[in-house]
């Protein structure tokens, strides 16, 4: 019984840590994707305004996330 308690306790702690790390670092990958998109679009379209590129990248990333 005590051996099973350790496994259950370990699983509960592991799930909590995974949930916290997802919340903590979820926006990190979004910001990295945004920066990469802006850099790539700026190289392709040199004459476009940076604000237009940011709006375009934001809509494209949100569209891909909703799939």
C-alpha atoms as a PDB file:
ATOM      1  CA  UNK A   1       0.000   0.000   0.000  1.00  0.00           C
ATOM      2  CA  UNK A   2       2.776   2.405   0.900  1.00  0.00           C
ATOM      3  CA  UNK A   3       4.605   1.647  -2.355  1.00  0.00           C
ATOM      4  CA  UNK A   4       1.518   2.589  -4.380  1.00  0.00           C
ATOM      5  CA  UNK A   5       1.195   5.807  -2.396  1.00  0.00           C
ATOM      6  CA  UNK A   6       4.656   6.904  -3.557  1.00  0.00           C
ATOM      7  CA  UNK A   7       3.753   6.288  -7.210  1.00  0.00           C
ATOM      8  CA  UNK A   8       0.497   8.181  -6.900  1.00  0.00           C
ATOM      9  CA  UNK A   9       2.216  11.066  -5.125  1.00  0.00           C
ATOM     10  CA  UNK A  10       4.924  11.162  -7.790  1.00  0.00           C
ATOM     11  CA  UNK A  11       2.345  11.271 -10.590  1.00  0.00           C
ATOM     12  CA  UNK A  12       0.396  14.067  -8.924  1.00  0.00           C
ATOM     13  CA  UNK A  13       3.542  16.155  -8.459  1.00  0.00           C
ATOM     14  CA  UNK A  14       4.641  15.464 -12.049  1.00  0.00           C
ATOM     15  CA  UNK A  15       1.264  16.586 -13.436  1.00  0.00           C
ATOM     16  CA  UNK A  16       1.378  19.756 -11.373  1.00  0.00           C
ATOM     17  CA  UNK A  17       4.900  20.581 -12.562  1.00  0.00           C
ATOM     18  CA  UNK A  18       3.968  19.981 -16.215  1.00  0.00           C
ATOM     19  CA  UNK A  19       0.926  22.220 -15.872  1.00  0.00           C
ATOM     20  CA  UNK A  20       2.972  25.013 -14.282  1.00  0.00           C
ATOM     21  CA  UNK A  21       5.684  24.791 -16.953  1.00  0.00           C
ATOM     22  CA  UNK A  22       3.059  24.976 -19.704  1.00  0.00           C
ATOM     23  CA  UNK A  23       1.599  28.120 -18.197  1.00  0.00           C
ATOM     24  CA  UNK A  24       5.016  29.657 -17.525  1.00  0.00           C
ATOM     25  CA  UNK A  25       6.621  29.040 -20.923  1.00  0.00           C
ATOM     26  CA  UNK A  26       3.571  29.043 -23.224  1.00  0.00           C
ATOM     27  CA  UNK A  27       3.989  32.648 -24.267  1.00  0.00           C
ATOM     28  CA  UNK A  28       7.718  32.179 -24.858  1.00  0.00           C
ATOM     29  CA  UNK A  29       7.233  30.093 -28.000  1.00  0.00           C
ATOM     30  CA  UNK A  30       4.540  32.469 -29.234  1.00  0.00           C
ATOM     31  CA  UNK A  31       6.863  35.454 -28.971  1.00  0.00           C
ATOM     32  CA  UNK A  32       9.673  33.548 -30.699  1.00  0.00           C
ATOM     33  CA  UNK A  33       7.341  32.621 -33.552  1.00  0.00           C
ATOM     34  CA  UNK A  34       6.221  36.217 -33.849  1.00  0.00           C
ATOM     35  CA  UNK A  35       9.797  37.506 -34.046  1.00  0.00           C
ATOM     36  CA  UNK A  36      10.750  34.889 -36.645  1.00  0.00           C
ATOM     37  CA  UNK A  37       7.731  35.748 -38.767  1.00  0.00           C
ATOM     38  CA  UNK A  38       8.488  39.474 -38.625  1.00  0.00           C
ATOM     39  CA  UNK A  39      12.104  38.929 -39.644  1.00  0.00           C
ATOM     40  CA  UNK A  40      11.144  36.647 -42.534  1.00  0.00           C
ATOM     41  CA  UNK A  41       8.428  38.989 -43.804  1.00  0.00           C
ATOM     42  CA  UNK A  42      10.753  41.990 -43.583  1.00  0.00           C
ATOM     43  CA  UNK A  43      13.317  40.171 -45.728  1.00  0.00           C
ATOM     44  CA  UNK A  44      10.678  39.275 -48.315  1.00  0.00           C
ATOM     45  CA  UNK A  45       8.809  42.610 -48.369  1.00  0.00           C
ATOM     46  CA  UNK A  46      11.385  45.338 -47.814  1.00  0.00           C
ATOM     47  CA  UNK A  47       8.998  48.153 -48.698  1.00  0.00           C
ATOM     48  CA  UNK A  48       6.235  47.204 -46.199  1.00  0.00           C
ATOM     49  CA  UNK A  49       5.763  48.964 -42.896  1.00  0.00           C
ATOM     50  CA  UNK A  50       6.824  47.049 -39.772  1.00  0.00           C
ATOM     51  CA  UNK A  51       3.407  47.563 -38.144  1.00  0.00           C
ATOM     52  CA  UNK A  52       1.660  45.995 -41.143  1.00  0.00           C
ATOM     53  CA  UNK A  53       4.015  43.037 -40.936  1.00  0.00           C
ATOM     54  CA  UNK A  54       3.317  42.588 -37.207  1.00  0.00           C
ATOM     55  CA  UNK A  55      -0.435  42.614 -37.828  1.00  0.00           C
ATOM     56  CA  UNK A  56      -0.055  40.088 -40.647  1.00  0.00           C
ATOM     57  CA  UNK A  57       2.105  37.784 -38.525  1.00  0.00           C
ATOM     58  CA  UNK A  58      -0.260  37.986 -35.573  1.00  0.00           C
ATOM     59  CA  UNK A  59      -3.257  36.994 -37.693  1.00  0.00           C
ATOM     60  CA  UNK A  60      -1.365  34.140 -39.374  1.00  0.00           C
ATOM     61  CA  UNK A  61      -0.085  32.717 -36.094  1.00  0.00           C
ATOM     62  CA  UNK A  62      -3.536  32.930 -34.481  1.00  0.00           C
ATOM     63  CA  UNK A  63      -5.029  31.224 -37.543  1.00  0.00           C
ATOM     64  CA  UNK A  64      -2.524  28.366 -37.263  1.00  0.00           C
ATOM     65  CA  UNK A  65      -3.099  28.016 -33.517  1.00  0.00           C
ATOM     66  CA  UNK A  66      -6.851  27.697 -33.948  1.00  0.00           C
ATOM     67  CA  UNK A  67      -6.500  24.656 -36.252  1.00  0.00           C
END
